[in-house]
Every structure is written in C-alpha cells, then in structure tokens.
Amino acid sequence: MTRSRRSTRGLRWREAGDEAANAMALATVSPAGAPSVRVVLLRGADHDGLVFHTHRLSRKGVEMDGRAEVALVLRWTRPIHRQAGRGARRTARG
C-alpha cells in the first residue's frame, strides 16, 4: 500500500518523539442529536484514512453505528500544528 504525502505528513510526530501526539479528539452525535467528544488513540494512517480503535458496544461505537459521520482534532507540538477534519466510519468488516 502506497501512502500519500498528504496523509502521512502529519505522522512525523513519531519521529519527533512526541508520544502523546497520537491522541485525538473524536466527536460523534447521539441518536437524540447530542454531541459527544472523547479522546481516542490514532493507530495509523494511509491514503484510505485514519485508523483508531474503539469498542463497538461503547458509546462511541454505538453512536458511529447510528451515524457514521464524525469529526476529529489532532494536535502535534513540534512545530505547533492543529489538524482537524471530518470523515465517515468504516469498520474492518466493511
């Protein structure tokens, strides 16, 4: 799998030694329309998107099953950057 320059550019935090940089704020919406934000750990990224883990039966998992659109914020401190984006949930099962 070939990684695109854009999707891997921000992952240089590992090389910079910023161990907390894989934490990202993931926002979802409940069935009632209430926003919910939780910190999850970024496991990887490639041209298909970002990979993180959450339990399917957790509040995050249930909310993403109900509504696949999410928002997230990543922060890297060297140099100071803030990365924000939106996406849709896709599980390993499809």
PDB file of N, CA and C in Angstrom:
ATOM      1  N   MET A   1       0.837  -1.162   0.000  1.00  0.00           N
ATOM      2  CA  MET A   1       0.000   0.000   0.000  1.00  0.00           C
ATOM      3  C   MET A   1       0.893   1.240   0.000  1.00  0.00           C
ATOM      4  N   THR A   2       0.663   2.123  -0.919  1.00  0.00           N
ATOM      5  CA  THR A   2       1.441   3.348  -1.014  1.00  0.00           C
ATOM      6  C   THR A   2       0.764   4.448  -0.216  1.00  0.00           C
ATOM      7  N   ARG A   3       1.506   5.076   0.638  1.00  0.00           N
ATOM      8  CA  ARG A   3       0.942   6.159   1.437  1.00  0.00           C
ATOM      9  C   ARG A   3       1.086   7.477   0.690  1.00  0.00           C
ATOM     10  N   SER A   4       0.055   8.277   0.745  1.00  0.00           N
ATOM     11  CA  SER A   4       0.129   9.578   0.101  1.00  0.00           C
ATOM     12  C   SER A   4       0.911  10.540   0.977  1.00  0.00           C
ATOM     13  N   ARG A   5       1.531  11.524   0.355  1.00  0.00           N
ATOM     14  CA  ARG A   5       2.295  12.520   1.099  1.00  0.00           C
ATOM     15  C   ARG A   5       1.393  13.266   2.077  1.00  0.00           C
ATOM     16  N   ARG A   6       0.200  13.612   1.629  1.00  0.00           N
ATOM     17  CA  ARG A   6      -0.703  14.387   2.472  1.00  0.00           C
ATOM     18  C   ARG A   6      -1.101  13.631   3.735  1.00  0.00           C
ATOM     19  N   SER A   7      -1.438  12.365   3.626  1.00  0.00           N
ATOM     20  CA  SER A   7      -1.937  11.644   4.797  1.00  0.00           C
ATOM     21  C   SER A   7      -0.836  11.238   5.763  1.00  0.00           C
ATOM     22  N   THR A   8       0.399  11.192   5.311  1.00  0.00           N
ATOM     23  CA  THR A   8       1.474  10.781   6.215  1.00  0.00           C
ATOM     24  C   THR A   8       2.302  11.961   6.707  1.00  0.00           C
ATOM     25  N   ARG A   9       2.120  13.135   6.130  1.00  0.00           N
ATOM     26  CA  ARG A   9       2.911  14.301   6.509  1.00  0.00           C
ATOM     27  C   ARG A   9       2.799  14.580   8.004  1.00  0.00           C
ATOM     28  N   GLY A  10       1.587  14.533   8.550  1.00  0.00           N
ATOM     29  CA  GLY A  10       1.384  14.831   9.959  1.00  0.00           C
ATOM     30  C   GLY A  10       1.849  13.742  10.895  1.00  0.00           C
ATOM     31  N   LEU A  11       2.130  12.567  10.394  1.00  0.00           N
ATOM     32  CA  LEU A  11       2.525  11.459  11.258  1.00  0.00           C
ATOM     33  C   LEU A  11       3.994  11.496  11.638  1.00  0.00           C
ATOM     34  N   ARG A  12       4.678  12.563  11.299  1.00  0.00           N
ATOM     35  CA  ARG A  12       6.098  12.688  11.664  1.00  0.00           C
ATOM     36  C   ARG A  12       6.297  12.882  13.159  1.00  0.00           C
ATOM     37  N   TRP A  13       5.199  13.046  13.919  1.00  0.00           N
ATOM     38  CA  TRP A  13       5.311  13.181  15.367  1.00  0.00           C
ATOM     39  C   TRP A  13       6.006  11.997  15.982  1.00  0.00           C
ATOM     40  N   ARG A  14       5.852  10.821  15.381  1.00  0.00           N
ATOM     41  CA  ARG A  14       6.533   9.647  15.943  1.00  0.00           C
ATOM     42  C   ARG A  14       8.040   9.810  15.832  1.00  0.00           C
ATOM     43  N   GLU A  15       8.481  10.321  14.694  1.00  0.00           N
ATOM     44  CA  GLU A  15       9.908  10.560  14.513  1.00  0.00           C
ATOM     45  C   GLU A  15      10.400  11.648  15.451  1.00  0.00           C
ATOM     46  N   ALA A  16       9.552  12.630  15.748  1.00  0.00           N
ATOM     47  CA  ALA A  16       9.938  13.742  16.607  1.00  0.00           C
ATOM     48  C   ALA A  16       9.913  13.366  18.085  1.00  0.00           C
ATOM     49  N   GLY A  17       9.400  12.186  18.399  1.00  0.00           N
ATOM     50  CA  GLY A  17       9.384  11.730  19.777  1.00  0.00           C
ATOM     51  C   GLY A  17       8.232  12.266  20.603  1.00  0.00           C
ATOM     52  N   ASP A  18       7.216  12.796  19.976  1.00  0.00           N
ATOM     53  CA  ASP A  18       6.061  13.307  20.706  1.00  0.00           C
ATOM     54  C   ASP A  18       5.093  12.156  20.939  1.00  0.00           C
ATOM     55  N   GLU A  19       5.251  11.477  22.055  1.00  0.00           N
ATOM     56  CA  GLU A  19       4.492  10.256  22.300  1.00  0.00           C
ATOM     57  C   GLU A  19       3.013  10.494  22.551  1.00  0.00           C
ATOM     58  N   ALA A  20       2.635  11.676  23.026  1.00  0.00           N
ATOM     59  CA  ALA A  20       1.223  11.960  23.280  1.00  0.00           C
ATOM     60  C   ALA A  20       0.494  12.409  22.023  1.00  0.00           C
ATOM     61  N   ALA A  21       1.203  12.566  20.931  1.00  0.00           N
ATOM     62  CA  ALA A  21       0.602  13.128  19.721  1.00  0.00           C
ATOM     63  C   ALA A  21      -0.362  12.179  19.030  1.00  0.00           C
ATOM     64  N   ASN A  22      -0.411  10.926  19.418  1.00  0.00           N
ATOM     65  CA  ASN A  22      -1.360  10.024  18.764  1.00  0.00           C
ATOM     66  C   ASN A  22      -2.753  10.113  19.385  1.00  0.00           C
ATOM     67  N   ALA A  23      -2.916  10.956  20.395  1.00  0.00           N
ATOM     68  CA  ALA A  23      -4.241  11.172  20.980  1.00  0.00           C
ATOM     69  C   ALA A  23      -5.017  12.145  20.100  1.00  0.00           C
ATOM     70  N   MET A  24      -6.268  11.803  19.813  1.00  0.00           N
ATOM     71  CA  MET A  24      -7.095  12.700  19.010  1.00  0.00           C
ATOM     72  C   MET A  24      -8.483  12.775  19.619  1.00  0.00           C
ATOM     73  N   ALA A  25      -9.098  13.936  19.507  1.00  0.00           N
ATOM     74  CA  ALA A  25     -10.464  14.126  19.985  1.00  0.00           C
ATOM     75  C   ALA A  25     -11.407  13.696  18.871  1.00  0.00           C
ATOM     76  N   LEU A  26     -12.279  12.755  19.175  1.00  0.00           N
ATOM     77  CA  LEU A  26     -13.228  12.223  18.205  1.00  0.00           C
ATOM     78  C   LEU A  26     -14.635  12.620  18.636  1.00  0.00           C
ATOM     79  N   ALA A  27     -15.331  13.337  17.765  1.00  0.00           N
ATOM     80  CA  ALA A  27     -16.684  13.800  18.063  1.00  0.00           C
ATOM     81  C   ALA A  27     -17.702  12.987  17.278  1.00  0.00           C
ATOM     82  N   THR A  28     -18.742  12.557  17.979  1.00  0.00           N
ATOM     83  CA  THR A  28     -19.857  11.833  17.374  1.00  0.00           C
ATOM     84  C   THR A  28     -21.152  12.502  17.831  1.00  0.00           C
ATOM     85  N   VAL A  29     -22.265  12.003  17.320  1.00  0.00           N
ATOM     86  CA  VAL A  29     -23.575  12.552  17.685  1.00  0.00           C
ATOM     87  C   VAL A  29     -24.478  11.406  18.130  1.00  0.00           C
ATOM     88  N   SER A  30     -25.176  11.609  19.242  1.00  0.00           N
ATOM     89  CA  SER A  30     -26.095  10.589  19.753  1.00  0.00           C
ATOM     90  C   SER A  30     -27.345  10.531  18.880  1.00  0.00           C
ATOM     91  N   PRO A  31     -28.144   9.474  19.023  1.00  0.00           N
ATOM     92  CA  PRO A  31     -29.400   9.401  18.271  1.00  0.00           C
ATOM     93  C   PRO A  31     -30.326  10.592  18.541  1.00  0.00           C
ATOM     94  N   ALA A  32     -30.211  11.193  19.723  1.00  0.00           N
ATOM     95  CA  ALA A  32     -31.033  12.356  20.067  1.00  0.00           C
ATOM     96  C   ALA A  32     -30.442  13.661  19.545  1.00  0.00           C
ATOM     97  N   GLY A  33     -29.259  13.592  18.915  1.00  0.00           N
ATOM     98  CA  GLY A  33     -28.627  14.784  18.358  1.00  0.00           C
ATOM     99  C   GLY A  33     -27.641  15.481  19.267  1.00  0.00           C
ATOM    100  N   ALA A  34     -27.323  14.888  20.420  1.00  0.00           N
ATOM    101  CA  ALA A  34     -26.379  15.488  21.357  1.00  0.00           C
ATOM    102  C   ALA A  34     -24.946  15.164  20.943  1.00  0.00           C
ATOM    103  N   PRO A  35     -24.049  16.167  20.917  1.00  0.00           N
ATOM    104  CA  PRO A  35     -22.659  15.901  20.576  1.00  0.00           C
ATOM    105  C   PRO A  35     -21.946  15.188  21.718  1.00  0.00           C
ATOM    106  N   SER A  36     -20.937  14.413  21.367  1.00  0.00           N
ATOM    107  CA  SER A  36     -20.141  13.670  22.339  1.00  0.00           C
ATOM    108  C   SER A  36     -18.702  13.656  21.841  1.00  0.00           C
ATOM    109  N   VAL A  37     -17.757  14.031  22.702  1.00  0.00           N
ATOM    110  CA  VAL A  37     -16.342  14.054  22.329  1.00  0.00           C
ATOM    111  C   VAL A  37     -15.568  13.202  23.314  1.00  0.00           C
ATOM    112  N   ARG A  38     -14.667  12.393  22.788  1.00  0.00           N
ATOM    113  CA  ARG A  38     -13.822  11.547  23.618  1.00  0.00           C
ATOM    114  C   ARG A  38     -12.452  11.456  22.959  1.00  0.00           C
ATOM    115  N   VAL A  39     -11.422  11.299  23.769  1.00  0.00           N
ATOM    116  CA  VAL A  39     -10.072  11.121  23.238  1.00  0.00           C
ATOM    117  C   VAL A  39      -9.869   9.647  22.921  1.00  0.00           C
ATOM    118  N   VAL A  40      -9.422   9.360  21.699  1.00  0.00           N
ATOM    119  CA  VAL A  40      -9.072   8.007  21.267  1.00  0.00           C
ATOM    120  C   VAL A  40      -7.653   8.050  20.731  1.00  0.00           C
ATOM    121  N   LEU A  41      -7.036   6.893  20.584  1.00  0.00           N
ATOM    122  CA  LEU A  41      -5.656   6.834  20.119  1.00  0.00           C
ATOM    123  C   LEU A  41      -5.592   6.504  18.635  1.00  0.00           C
ATOM    124  N   LEU A  42      -4.872   7.330  17.906  1.00  0.00           N
ATOM    125  CA  LEU A  42      -4.629   7.108  16.489  1.00  0.00           C
ATOM    126  C   LEU A  42      -3.628   5.966  16.353  1.00  0.00           C
ATOM    127  N   ARG A  43      -3.979   4.940  15.595  1.00  0.00           N
ATOM    128  CA  ARG A  43      -3.109   3.775  15.414  1.00  0.00           C
ATOM    129  C   ARG A  43      -2.333   3.824  14.110  1.00  0.00           C
ATOM    130  N   GLY A  44      -2.823   4.569  13.135  1.00  0.00           N
ATOM    131  CA  GLY A  44      -2.134   4.656  11.855  1.00  0.00           C
ATOM    132  C   GLY A  44      -2.925   5.481  10.863  1.00  0.00           C
ATOM    133  N   ALA A  45      -2.300   5.737   9.723  1.00  0.00           N
ATOM    134  CA  ALA A  45      -2.957   6.500   8.658  1.00  0.00           C
ATOM    135  C   ALA A  45      -2.351   6.107   7.327  1.00  0.00           C
ATOM    136  N   ASP A  46      -3.175   6.098   6.308  1.00  0.00           N
ATOM    137  CA  ASP A  46      -2.704   5.879   4.950  1.00  0.00           C
ATOM    138  C   ASP A  46      -3.663   6.581   3.999  1.00  0.00           C
ATOM    139  N   HIS A  47      -3.552   6.306   2.715  1.00  0.00           N
ATOM    140  CA  HIS A  47      -4.395   7.010   1.751  1.00  0.00           C
ATOM    141  C   HIS A  47      -5.873   6.675   1.904  1.00  0.00           C
ATOM    142  N   ASP A  48      -6.209   5.630   2.637  1.00  0.00           N
ATOM    143  CA  ASP A  48      -7.609   5.284   2.881  1.00  0.00           C
ATOM    144  C   ASP A  48      -8.192   6.023   4.080  1.00  0.00           C
ATOM    145  N   GLY A  49      -7.347   6.567   4.927  1.00  0.00           N
ATOM    146  CA  GLY A  49      -7.851   7.310   6.083  1.00  0.00           C
ATOM    147  C   GLY A  49      -7.073   7.026   7.351  1.00  0.00           C
ATOM    148  N   LEU A  50      -7.661   7.386   8.479  1.00  0.00           N
ATOM    149  CA  LEU A  50      -7.049   7.201   9.792  1.00  0.00           C
ATOM    150  C   LEU A  50      -7.595   5.940  10.442  1.00  0.00           C
ATOM    151  N   VAL A  51      -6.758   5.298  11.245  1.00  0.00           N
ATOM    152  CA  VAL A  51      -7.167   4.082  11.947  1.00  0.00           C
ATOM    153  C   VAL A  51      -7.098   4.347  13.443  1.00  0.00           C
ATOM    154  N   PHE A  52      -8.198   4.088  14.124  1.00  0.00           N
ATOM    155  CA  PHE A  52      -8.235   4.156  15.578  1.00  0.00           C
ATOM    156  C   PHE A  52      -9.143   3.035  16.060  1.00  0.00           C
ATOM    157  N   HIS A  53      -9.041   2.731  17.338  1.00  0.00           N
ATOM    158  CA  HIS A  53      -9.822   1.626  17.889  1.00  0.00           C
ATOM    159  C   HIS A  53     -10.784   2.133  18.953  1.00  0.00           C
ATOM    160  N   THR A  54     -11.989   1.618  18.911  1.00  0.00           N
ATOM    161  CA  THR A  54     -12.977   1.825  19.964  1.00  0.00           C
ATOM    162  C   THR A  54     -13.872   0.589  19.974  1.00  0.00           C
ATOM    163  N   HIS A  55     -14.385   0.240  21.104  1.00  0.00           N
ATOM    164  CA  HIS A  55     -15.226  -0.947  21.214  1.00  0.00           C
ATOM    165  C   HIS A  55     -16.571  -0.685  20.551  1.00  0.00           C
ATOM    166  N   ARG A  56     -17.053  -1.640  19.770  1.00  0.00           N
ATOM    167  CA  ARG A  56     -18.327  -1.470  19.046  1.00  0.00           C
ATOM    168  C   ARG A  56     -19.507  -1.209  19.972  1.00  0.00           C
ATOM    169  N   LEU A  57     -19.443  -1.733  21.191  1.00  0.00           N
ATOM    170  CA  LEU A  57     -20.558  -1.573  22.123  1.00  0.00           C
ATOM    171  C   LEU A  57     -20.390  -0.378  23.061  1.00  0.00           C
ATOM    172  N   SER A  58     -19.262   0.347  22.925  1.00  0.00           N
ATOM    173  CA  SER A  58     -19.081   1.558  23.723  1.00  0.00           C
ATOM    174  C   SER A  58     -20.010   2.646  23.192  1.00  0.00           C
ATOM    175  N   ARG A  59     -20.148   3.728  23.940  1.00  0.00           N
ATOM    176  CA  ARG A  59     -20.996   4.828  23.465  1.00  0.00           C
ATOM    177  C   ARG A  59     -20.516   5.328  22.104  1.00  0.00           C
ATOM    178  N   LYS A  60     -19.201   5.460  21.925  1.00  0.00           N
ATOM    179  CA  LYS A  60     -18.652   5.897  20.631  1.00  0.00           C
ATOM    180  C   LYS A  60     -19.039   4.923  19.529  1.00  0.00           C
ATOM    181  N   GLY A  61     -18.859   3.633  19.778  1.00  0.00           N
ATOM    182  CA  GLY A  61     -19.183   2.627  18.770  1.00  0.00           C
ATOM    183  C   GLY A  61     -20.652   2.637  18.396  1.00  0.00           C
ATOM    184  N   VAL A  62     -21.507   2.738  19.399  1.00  0.00           N
ATOM    185  CA  VAL A  62     -22.953   2.770  19.152  1.00  0.00           C
ATOM    186  C   VAL A  62     -23.331   4.028  18.377  1.00  0.00           C
ATOM    187  N   GLU A  63     -22.760   5.170  18.761  1.00  0.00           N
ATOM    188  CA  GLU A  63     -23.069   6.411  18.048  1.00  0.00           C
ATOM    189  C   GLU A  63     -22.587   6.367  16.603  1.00  0.00           C
ATOM    190  N   MET A  64     -21.429   5.759  16.355  1.00  0.00           N
ATOM    191  CA  MET A  64     -20.936   5.657  14.977  1.00  0.00           C
ATOM    192  C   MET A  64     -21.745   4.657  14.164  1.00  0.00           C
ATOM    193  N   ASP A  65     -22.288   3.627  14.811  1.00  0.00           N
ATOM    194  CA  ASP A  65     -23.184   2.716  14.097  1.00  0.00           C
ATOM    195  C   ASP A  65     -24.450   3.436  13.652  1.00  0.00           C
ATOM    196  N   GLY A  66     -24.935   4.352  14.497  1.00  0.00           N
ATOM    197  CA  GLY A  66     -26.150   5.088  14.176  1.00  0.00           C
ATOM    198  C   GLY A  66     -25.944   6.191  13.157  1.00  0.00           C
ATOM    199  N   ARG A  67     -24.785   6.813  13.209  1.00  0.00           N
ATOM    200  CA  ARG A  67     -24.462   7.915  12.297  1.00  0.00           C
ATOM    201  C   ARG A  67     -22.964   7.868  12.039  1.00  0.00           C
ATOM    202  N   ALA A  68     -22.572   7.527  10.840  1.00  0.00           N
ATOM    203  CA  ALA A  68     -21.170   7.257  10.524  1.00  0.00           C
ATOM    204  C   ALA A  68     -20.303   8.508  10.458  1.00  0.00           C
ATOM    205  N   GLU A  69     -20.885   9.694  10.265  1.00  0.00           N
ATOM    206  CA  GLU A  69     -20.081  10.911  10.166  1.00  0.00           C
ATOM    207  C   GLU A  69     -19.500  11.279  11.528  1.00  0.00           C
ATOM    208  N   VAL A  70     -18.221  11.625  11.528  1.00  0.00           N
ATOM    209  CA  VAL A  70     -17.519  12.019  12.745  1.00  0.00           C
ATOM    210  C   VAL A  70     -16.683  13.261  12.454  1.00  0.00           C
ATOM    211  N   ALA A  71     -16.209  13.903  13.511  1.00  0.00           N
ATOM    212  CA  ALA A  71     -15.246  14.998  13.392  1.00  0.00           C
ATOM    213  C   ALA A  71     -14.114  14.694  14.355  1.00  0.00           C
ATOM    214  N   LEU A  72     -12.907  15.175  14.031  1.00  0.00           N
ATOM    215  CA  LEU A  72     -11.773  14.904  14.901  1.00  0.00           C
ATOM    216  C   LEU A  72     -10.790  16.052  14.883  1.00  0.00           C
ATOM    217  N   VAL A  73      -9.991  16.112  15.940  1.00  0.00           N
ATOM    218  CA  VAL A  73      -8.918  17.095  16.043  1.00  0.00           C
ATOM    219  C   VAL A  73      -7.672  16.368  16.505  1.00  0.00           C
ATOM    220  N   LEU A  74      -6.582  16.591  15.787  1.00  0.00           N
ATOM    221  CA  LEU A  74      -5.261  16.064  16.140  1.00  0.00           C
ATOM    222  C   LEU A  74      -4.357  17.249  16.454  1.00  0.00           C
ATOM    223  N   ARG A  75      -3.454  17.094  17.403  1.00  0.00           N
ATOM    224  CA  ARG A  75      -2.542  18.180  17.741  1.00  0.00           C
ATOM    225  C   ARG A  75      -1.120  17.645  17.803  1.00  0.00           C
ATOM    226  N   TRP A  76      -0.240  18.315  17.093  1.00  0.00           N
ATOM    227  CA  TRP A  76       1.177  17.994  17.157  1.00  0.00           C
ATOM    228  C   TRP A  76       1.900  19.216  17.671  1.00  0.00           C
ATOM    229  N   THR A  77       2.861  19.030  18.537  1.00  0.00           N
ATOM    230  CA  THR A  77       3.514  20.165  19.191  1.00  0.00           C
ATOM    231  C   THR A  77       4.828  20.581  18.555  1.00  0.00           C
ATOM    232  N   ARG A  78       5.361  19.845  17.626  1.00  0.00           N
ATOM    233  CA  ARG A  78       6.663  20.186  17.027  1.00  0.00           C
ATOM    234  C   ARG A  78       6.575  20.157  15.526  1.00  0.00           C
ATOM    235  N   PRO A  79       6.551  21.224  14.841  1.00  0.00           N
ATOM    236  CA  PRO A  79       6.155  22.549  15.317  1.00  0.00           C
ATOM    237  C   PRO A  79       4.681  22.533  15.685  1.00  0.00           C
ATOM    238  N   ILE A  80       4.217  23.602  16.272  1.00  0.00           N
ATOM    239  CA  ILE A  80       2.825  23.630  16.727  1.00  0.00           C
ATOM    240  C   ILE A  80       1.895  23.629  15.524  1.00  0.00           C
ATOM    241  N   HIS A  81       1.074  22.616  15.451  1.00  0.00           N
ATOM    242  CA  HIS A  81       0.080  22.472  14.392  1.00  0.00           C
ATOM    243  C   HIS A  81      -1.207  21.958  15.003  1.00  0.00           C
ATOM    244  N   ARG A  82      -2.292  22.253  14.367  1.00  0.00           N
ATOM    245  CA  ARG A  82      -3.569  21.643  14.730  1.00  0.00           C
ATOM    246  C   ARG A  82      -4.167  21.127  13.437  1.00  0.00           C
ATOM    247  N   GLN A  83      -4.557  19.879  13.437  1.00  0.00           N
ATOM    248  CA  GLN A  83      -5.166  19.273  12.264  1.00  0.00           C
ATOM    249  C   GLN A  83      -6.595  18.917  12.625  1.00  0.00           C
ATOM    250  N   ALA A  84      -7.536  19.311  11.806  1.00  0.00           N
ATOM    251  CA  ALA A  84      -8.941  18.996  12.050  1.00  0.00           C
ATOM    252  C   ALA A  84      -9.532  18.425  10.778  1.00  0.00           C
ATOM    253  N   GLY A  85     -10.515  17.582  10.933  1.00  0.00           N
ATOM    254  CA  GLY A  85     -11.138  17.014   9.748  1.00  0.00           C
ATOM    255  C   GLY A  85     -12.446  16.332  10.080  1.00  0.00           C
ATOM    256  N   ARG A  86     -13.121  15.910   9.032  1.00  0.00           N
ATOM    257  CA  ARG A  86     -14.360  15.156   9.172  1.00  0.00           C
ATOM    258  C   ARG A  86     -14.236  13.905   8.337  1.00  0.00           C
ATOM    259  N   GLY A  87     -14.999  12.913   8.680  1.00  0.00           N
ATOM    260  CA  GLY A  87     -14.954  11.667   7.926  1.00  0.00           C
ATOM    261  C   GLY A  87     -16.150  10.805   8.238  1.00  0.00           C
ATOM    262  N   ALA A  88     -16.129   9.622   7.693  1.00  0.00           N
ATOM    263  CA  ALA A  88     -17.198   8.658   7.934  1.00  0.00           C
ATOM    264  C   ALA A  88     -16.593   7.369   8.455  1.00  0.00           C
ATOM    265  N   ARG A  89     -17.318   6.705   9.335  1.00  0.00           N
ATOM    266  CA  ARG A  89     -16.846   5.461   9.937  1.00  0.00           C
ATOM    267  C   ARG A  89     -16.825   4.355   8.903  1.00  0.00           C
ATOM    268  N   ARG A  90     -15.781   3.558   8.972  1.00  0.00           N
ATOM    269  CA  ARG A  90     -15.700   2.341   8.181  1.00  0.00           C
ATOM    270  C   ARG A  90     -15.033   1.306   9.058  1.00  0.00           C
ATOM    271  N   THR A  91     -15.671   0.173   9.271  1.00  0.00           N
ATOM    272  CA  THR A  91     -15.115  -0.853  10.148  1.00  0.00           C
ATOM    273  C   THR A  91     -14.242  -1.806   9.354  1.00  0.00           C
ATOM    274  N   ALA A  92     -13.503  -2.623  10.074  1.00  0.00           N
ATOM    275  CA  ALA A  92     -12.670  -3.631   9.420  1.00  0.00           C
ATOM    276  C   ALA A  92     -13.533  -4.631   8.660  1.00  0.00           C
ATOM    277  N   ARG A  93     -14.774  -4.745   9.061  1.00  0.00           N
ATOM    278  CA  ARG A  93     -15.700  -5.668   8.395  1.00  0.00           C
ATOM    279  C   ARG A  93     -16.359  -5.045   7.172  1.00  0.00           C
ATOM    280  N   GLY A  94     -16.077  -3.783   6.902  1.00  0.00           N
ATOM    281  CA  GLY A  94     -16.662  -3.117   5.735  1.00  0.00           C
ATOM    282  C   GLY A  94     -17.520  -2.054   6.126  1.00  0.00           C
TER     283      GLY A  94
END
